[in-house]
């Protein structure tokens, strides 16, 4: 695992925050909420994938199948 994944998560957070702020300023609160939920789902998908890779590596290191 490298640091690029952290940068990807940070980029997702920054983009979602900017889009949500723009939508709230234009009185589209409902769409802003949907965008924030979609951003959260994307970030959690990346995190779950990383955790799955971690467990797979641990299984391979200890020889547990």
PDB file of N, CA and C in Angstrom:
ATOM      1  N   UNK A   1       0.847  -1.175   0.000  1.00  0.00           N
ATOM      2  CA  UNK A   1       0.000   0.000   0.000  1.00  0.00           C
ATOM      3  C   UNK A   1       0.888   1.231   0.000  1.00  0.00           C
ATOM      4  N   UNK A   2       0.477   2.188  -0.752  1.00  0.00           N
ATOM      5  CA  UNK A   2       1.271   3.398  -0.835  1.00  0.00           C
ATOM      6  C   UNK A   2       0.432   4.612  -0.456  1.00  0.00           C
ATOM      7  N   UNK A   3       1.067   5.744  -0.496  1.00  0.00           N
ATOM      8  CA  UNK A   3       0.429   6.974  -0.033  1.00  0.00           C
ATOM      9  C   UNK A   3      -0.556   7.536  -1.052  1.00  0.00           C
ATOM     10  N   UNK A   4      -0.536   7.043  -2.272  1.00  0.00           N
ATOM     11  CA  UNK A   4      -1.432   7.577  -3.296  1.00  0.00           C
ATOM     12  C   UNK A   4      -2.901   7.339  -2.945  1.00  0.00           C
ATOM     13  N   UNK A   5      -3.181   6.287  -2.209  1.00  0.00           N
ATOM     14  CA  UNK A   5      -4.569   6.019  -1.805  1.00  0.00           C
ATOM     15  C   UNK A   5      -5.067   7.099  -0.858  1.00  0.00           C
ATOM     16  N   UNK A   6      -4.192   7.565   0.026  1.00  0.00           N
ATOM     17  CA  UNK A   6      -4.574   8.664   0.915  1.00  0.00           C
ATOM     18  C   UNK A   6      -4.862   9.933   0.132  1.00  0.00           C
ATOM     19  N   UNK A   7      -4.065  10.179  -0.905  1.00  0.00           N
ATOM     20  CA  UNK A   7      -4.309  11.348  -1.742  1.00  0.00           C
ATOM     21  C   UNK A   7      -5.626  11.224  -2.499  1.00  0.00           C
ATOM     22  N   UNK A   8      -5.969  10.011  -2.930  1.00  0.00           N
ATOM     23  CA  UNK A   8      -7.240   9.788  -3.610  1.00  0.00           C
ATOM     24  C   UNK A   8      -8.412  10.071  -2.671  1.00  0.00           C
ATOM     25  N   UNK A   9      -8.316   9.585  -1.437  1.00  0.00           N
ATOM     26  CA  UNK A   9      -9.385   9.837  -0.465  1.00  0.00           C
ATOM     27  C   UNK A   9      -9.502  11.324  -0.149  1.00  0.00           C
ATOM     28  N   UNK A  10      -8.361  11.995  -0.025  1.00  0.00           N
ATOM     29  CA  UNK A  10      -8.387  13.434   0.236  1.00  0.00           C
ATOM     30  C   UNK A  10      -8.988  14.186  -0.945  1.00  0.00           C
ATOM     31  N   UNK A  11      -8.662  13.780  -2.155  1.00  0.00           N
ATOM     32  CA  UNK A  11      -9.220  14.432  -3.347  1.00  0.00           C
ATOM     33  C   UNK A  11     -10.729  14.237  -3.422  1.00  0.00           C
ATOM     34  N   UNK A  12     -11.184  13.042  -3.101  1.00  0.00           N
ATOM     35  CA  UNK A  12     -12.628  12.789  -3.084  1.00  0.00           C
ATOM     36  C   UNK A  12     -13.306  13.712  -2.068  1.00  0.00           C
ATOM     37  N   UNK A  13     -12.715  13.820  -0.896  1.00  0.00           N
ATOM     38  CA  UNK A  13     -13.288  14.679   0.133  1.00  0.00           C
ATOM     39  C   UNK A  13     -13.331  16.140  -0.271  1.00  0.00           C
ATOM     40  N   UNK A  14     -12.267  16.622  -0.877  1.00  0.00           N
ATOM     41  CA  UNK A  14     -12.218  18.029  -1.299  1.00  0.00           C
ATOM     42  C   UNK A  14     -13.234  18.304  -2.400  1.00  0.00           C
ATOM     43  N   UNK A  15     -13.310  17.411  -3.376  1.00  0.00           N
ATOM     44  CA  UNK A  15     -14.255  17.604  -4.478  1.00  0.00           C
ATOM     45  C   UNK A  15     -15.690  17.583  -3.980  1.00  0.00           C
ATOM     46  N   UNK A  16     -16.006  16.630  -3.118  1.00  0.00           N
ATOM     47  CA  UNK A  16     -17.371  16.538  -2.580  1.00  0.00           C
ATOM     48  C   UNK A  16     -17.708  17.779  -1.761  1.00  0.00           C
ATOM     49  N   UNK A  17     -16.763  18.261  -0.978  1.00  0.00           N
ATOM     50  CA  UNK A  17     -17.005  19.453  -0.169  1.00  0.00           C
ATOM     51  C   UNK A  17     -17.270  20.677  -1.030  1.00  0.00           C
ATOM     52  N   UNK A  18     -16.472  20.860  -2.064  1.00  0.00           N
ATOM     53  CA  UNK A  18     -16.659  22.020  -2.946  1.00  0.00           C
ATOM     54  C   UNK A  18     -18.000  21.940  -3.668  1.00  0.00           C
ATOM     55  N   UNK A  19     -18.326  20.763  -4.197  1.00  0.00           N
ATOM     56  CA  UNK A  19     -19.598  20.614  -4.909  1.00  0.00           C
ATOM     57  C   UNK A  19     -20.772  20.833  -3.963  1.00  0.00           C
ATOM     58  N   UNK A  20     -20.685  20.312  -2.754  1.00  0.00           N
ATOM     59  CA  UNK A  20     -21.772  20.500  -1.783  1.00  0.00           C
ATOM     60  C   UNK A  20     -21.944  21.975  -1.420  1.00  0.00           C
ATOM     61  N   UNK A  21     -20.847  22.676  -1.234  1.00  0.00           N
ATOM     62  CA  UNK A  21     -20.940  24.097  -0.910  1.00  0.00           C
ATOM     63  C   UNK A  21     -21.553  24.892  -2.060  1.00  0.00           C
ATOM     64  N   UNK A  22     -21.171  24.551  -3.284  1.00  0.00           N
ATOM     65  CA  UNK A  22     -21.758  25.239  -4.441  1.00  0.00           C
ATOM     66  C   UNK A  22     -23.250  24.956  -4.546  1.00  0.00           C
ATOM     67  N   UNK A  23     -23.634  23.728  -4.301  1.00  0.00           N
ATOM     68  CA  UNK A  23     -25.061  23.389  -4.379  1.00  0.00           C
ATOM     69  C   UNK A  23     -25.857  24.051  -3.253  1.00  0.00           C
ATOM     70  N   UNK A  24     -25.283  24.146  -2.064  1.00  0.00           N
ATOM     71  CA  UNK A  24     -25.994  24.789  -0.960  1.00  0.00           C
ATOM     72  C   UNK A  24     -26.155  26.288  -1.207  1.00  0.00           C
ATOM     73  N   UNK A  25     -25.151  26.901  -1.813  1.00  0.00           N
ATOM     74  CA  UNK A  25     -25.243  28.336  -2.117  1.00  0.00           C
ATOM     75  C   UNK A  25     -26.306  28.623  -3.170  1.00  0.00           C
ATOM     76  N   UNK A  26     -26.582  27.621  -4.039  1.00  0.00           N
ATOM     77  CA  UNK A  26     -27.597  27.803  -5.068  1.00  0.00           C
ATOM     78  C   UNK A  26     -28.946  27.214  -4.648  1.00  0.00           C
ATOM     79  N   UNK A  27     -29.131  27.014  -3.353  1.00  0.00           N
ATOM     80  CA  UNK A  27     -30.398  26.535  -2.773  1.00  0.00           C
ATOM     81  C   UNK A  27     -30.836  25.180  -3.312  1.00  0.00           C
ATOM     82  N   UNK A  28     -29.895  24.267  -3.445  1.00  0.00           N
ATOM     83  CA  UNK A  28     -30.204  22.888  -3.848  1.00  0.00           C
ATOM     84  C   UNK A  28     -29.690  21.941  -2.765  1.00  0.00           C
ATOM     85  N   UNK A  29     -30.296  22.058  -1.602  1.00  0.00           N
ATOM     86  CA  UNK A  29     -29.855  21.289  -0.442  1.00  0.00           C
ATOM     87  C   UNK A  29     -30.069  19.789  -0.610  1.00  0.00           C
ATOM     88  N   UNK A  30     -31.153  19.408  -1.282  1.00  0.00           N
ATOM     89  CA  UNK A  30     -31.432  17.979  -1.456  1.00  0.00           C
ATOM     90  C   UNK A  30     -30.355  17.316  -2.314  1.00  0.00           C
ATOM     91  N   UNK A  31     -29.977  17.983  -3.393  1.00  0.00           N
ATOM     92  CA  UNK A  31     -28.943  17.431  -4.271  1.00  0.00           C
ATOM     93  C   UNK A  31     -27.599  17.423  -3.555  1.00  0.00           C
ATOM     94  N   UNK A  32     -27.362  18.415  -2.732  1.00  0.00           N
ATOM     95  CA  UNK A  32     -26.128  18.471  -1.955  1.00  0.00           C
ATOM     96  C   UNK A  32     -26.025  17.277  -1.007  1.00  0.00           C
ATOM     97  N   UNK A  33     -27.122  16.916  -0.399  1.00  0.00           N
ATOM     98  CA  UNK A  33     -27.139  15.757   0.487  1.00  0.00           C
ATOM     99  C   UNK A  33     -26.849  14.472  -0.290  1.00  0.00           C
ATOM    100  N   UNK A  34     -27.428  14.342  -1.466  1.00  0.00           N
ATOM    101  CA  UNK A  34     -27.187  13.159  -2.298  1.00  0.00           C
ATOM    102  C   UNK A  34     -25.718  13.091  -2.707  1.00  0.00           C
ATOM    103  N   UNK A  35     -25.140  14.229  -3.070  1.00  0.00           N
ATOM    104  CA  UNK A  35     -23.733  14.256  -3.471  1.00  0.00           C
ATOM    105  C   UNK A  35     -22.834  13.852  -2.303  1.00  0.00           C
ATOM    106  N   UNK A  36     -23.148  14.322  -1.108  1.00  0.00           N
ATOM    107  CA  UNK A  36     -22.323  13.956   0.041  1.00  0.00           C
ATOM    108  C   UNK A  36     -22.447  12.463   0.362  1.00  0.00           C
ATOM    109  N   UNK A  37     -23.631  11.887   0.209  1.00  0.00           N
ATOM    110  CA  UNK A  37     -23.806  10.456   0.450  1.00  0.00           C
ATOM    111  C   UNK A  37     -23.052   9.645  -0.608  1.00  0.00           C
ATOM    112  N   UNK A  38     -23.104  10.066  -1.853  1.00  0.00           N
ATOM    113  CA  UNK A  38     -22.378   9.367  -2.919  1.00  0.00           C
ATOM    114  C   UNK A  38     -20.872   9.446  -2.670  1.00  0.00           C
ATOM    115  N   UNK A  39     -20.386  10.603  -2.236  1.00  0.00           N
ATOM    116  CA  UNK A  39     -18.966  10.732  -1.910  1.00  0.00           C
ATOM    117  C   UNK A  39     -18.559   9.818  -0.773  1.00  0.00           C
ATOM    118  N   UNK A  40     -19.409   9.701   0.223  1.00  0.00           N
ATOM    119  CA  UNK A  40     -19.140   8.804   1.343  1.00  0.00           C
ATOM    120  C   UNK A  40     -19.099   7.350   0.889  1.00  0.00           C
ATOM    121  N   UNK A  41     -20.015   6.966   0.021  1.00  0.00           N
ATOM    122  CA  UNK A  41     -20.047   5.595  -0.484  1.00  0.00           C
ATOM    123  C   UNK A  41     -18.780   5.297  -1.290  1.00  0.00           C
ATOM    124  N   UNK A  42     -18.347   6.241  -2.109  1.00  0.00           N
ATOM    125  CA  UNK A  42     -17.125   6.040  -2.902  1.00  0.00           C
ATOM    126  C   UNK A  42     -15.918   5.896  -1.990  1.00  0.00           C
ATOM    127  N   UNK A  43     -15.812   6.757  -0.981  1.00  0.00           N
ATOM    128  CA  UNK A  43     -14.684   6.686  -0.053  1.00  0.00           C
ATOM    129  C   UNK A  43     -14.702   5.372   0.736  1.00  0.00           C
ATOM    130  N   UNK A  44     -15.863   4.945   1.172  1.00  0.00           N
ATOM    131  CA  UNK A  44     -15.960   3.677   1.902  1.00  0.00           C
ATOM    132  C   UNK A  44     -15.628   2.490   1.006  1.00  0.00           C
ATOM    133  N   UNK A  45     -15.990   2.560  -0.263  1.00  0.00           N
ATOM    134  CA  UNK A  45     -15.646   1.490  -1.198  1.00  0.00           C
ATOM    135  C   UNK A  45     -14.135   1.364  -1.340  1.00  0.00           C
ATOM    136  N   UNK A  46     -13.458   2.494  -1.448  1.00  0.00           N
ATOM    137  CA  UNK A  46     -11.995   2.473  -1.535  1.00  0.00           C
ATOM    138  C   UNK A  46     -11.400   1.902  -0.253  1.00  0.00           C
ATOM    139  N   UNK A  47     -11.933   2.322   0.894  1.00  0.00           N
ATOM    140  CA  UNK A  47     -11.408   1.851   2.176  1.00  0.00           C
ATOM    141  C   UNK A  47     -11.658   0.352   2.365  1.00  0.00           C
ATOM    142  N   UNK A  48     -12.820  -0.127   2.004  1.00  0.00           N
ATOM    143  CA  UNK A  48     -13.136  -1.556   2.147  1.00  0.00           C
ATOM    144  C   UNK A  48     -12.251  -2.388   1.232  1.00  0.00           C
ATOM    145  N   UNK A  49     -11.974  -1.895   0.046  1.00  0.00           N
ATOM    146  CA  UNK A  49     -11.071  -2.591  -0.863  1.00  0.00           C
ATOM    147  C   UNK A  49      -9.675  -2.696  -0.254  1.00  0.00           C
ATOM    148  N   UNK A  50      -9.215  -1.615   0.368  1.00  0.00           N
ATOM    149  CA  UNK A  50      -7.905  -1.627   1.017  1.00  0.00           C
ATOM    150  C   UNK A  50      -7.879  -2.616   2.172  1.00  0.00           C
ATOM    151  N   UNK A  51      -8.927  -2.656   2.959  1.00  0.00           N
ATOM    152  CA  UNK A  51      -8.990  -3.574   4.098  1.00  0.00           C
ATOM    153  C   UNK A  51      -9.031  -5.017   3.603  1.00  0.00           C
ATOM    154  N   UNK A  52      -9.746  -5.269   2.523  1.00  0.00           N
ATOM    155  CA  UNK A  52      -9.773  -6.612   1.943  1.00  0.00           C
ATOM    156  C   UNK A  52      -8.395  -7.048   1.470  1.00  0.00           C
ATOM    157  N   UNK A  53      -7.665  -6.146   0.844  1.00  0.00           N
ATOM    158  CA  UNK A  53      -6.296  -6.453   0.417  1.00  0.00           C
ATOM    159  C   UNK A  53      -5.394  -6.726   1.615  1.00  0.00           C
ATOM    160  N   UNK A  54      -5.594  -5.964   2.690  1.00  0.00           N
ATOM    161  CA  UNK A  54      -4.807  -6.172   3.899  1.00  0.00           C
ATOM    162  C   UNK A  54      -5.045  -7.559   4.480  1.00  0.00           C
ATOM    163  N   UNK A  55      -6.299  -7.973   4.588  1.00  0.00           N
ATOM    164  CA  UNK A  55      -6.607  -9.295   5.122  1.00  0.00           C
ATOM    165  C   UNK A  55      -6.073 -10.394   4.217  1.00  0.00           C
ATOM    166  N   UNK A  56      -6.122 -10.193   2.915  1.00  0.00           N
ATOM    167  CA  UNK A  56      -5.577 -11.179   1.980  1.00  0.00           C
ATOM    168  C   UNK A  56      -4.064 -11.306   2.164  1.00  0.00           C
ATOM    169  N   UNK A  57      -3.389 -10.189   2.362  1.00  0.00           N
ATOM    170  CA  UNK A  57      -1.942 -10.231   2.602  1.00  0.00           C
ATOM    171  C   UNK A  57      -1.622 -10.943   3.910  1.00  0.00           C
ATOM    172  N   UNK A  58      -2.417 -10.670   4.948  1.00  0.00           N
ATOM    173  CA  UNK A  58      -2.204 -11.330   6.237  1.00  0.00           C
ATOM    174  C   UNK A  58      -2.414 -12.835   6.100  1.00  0.00           C
ATOM    175  N   UNK A  59      -3.444 -13.230   5.359  1.00  0.00           N
ATOM    176  CA  UNK A  59      -3.676 -14.664   5.144  1.00  0.00           C
ATOM    177  C   UNK A  59      -2.514 -15.320   4.409  1.00  0.00           C
ATOM    178  N   UNK A  60      -1.966 -14.641   3.438  1.00  0.00           N
ATOM    179  CA  UNK A  60      -0.845 -15.190   2.679  1.00  0.00           C
ATOM    180  C   UNK A  60       0.417 -15.260   3.518  1.00  0.00           C
ATOM    181  N   UNK A  61       0.648 -14.276   4.369  1.00  0.00           N
ATOM    182  CA  UNK A  61       1.860 -14.259   5.194  1.00  0.00           C
ATOM    183  C   UNK A  61       1.839 -15.420   6.189  1.00  0.00           C
ATOM    184  N   UNK A  62       0.693 -15.621   6.826  1.00  0.00           N
ATOM    185  CA  UNK A  62       0.616 -16.668   7.837  1.00  0.00           C
ATOM    186  C   UNK A  62       0.202 -18.021   7.279  1.00  0.00           C
ATOM    187  N   UNK A  63      -0.083 -18.100   6.004  1.00  0.00           N
ATOM    188  CA  UNK A  63      -0.421 -19.371   5.382  1.00  0.00           C
ATOM    189  C   UNK A  63      -1.775 -19.910   5.760  1.00  0.00           C
ATOM    190  N   UNK A  64      -2.689 -19.058   6.119  1.00  0.00           N
ATOM    191  CA  UNK A  64      -4.045 -19.466   6.488  1.00  0.00           C
ATOM    192  C   UNK A  64      -4.901 -19.421   5.231  1.00  0.00           C
ATOM    193  N   UNK A  65      -5.509 -20.575   4.904  1.00  0.00           N
ATOM    194  CA  UNK A  65      -6.325 -20.603   3.695  1.00  0.00           C
ATOM    195  C   UNK A  65      -7.719 -20.925   4.048  1.00  0.00           C
TER     196      UNK A  65
END
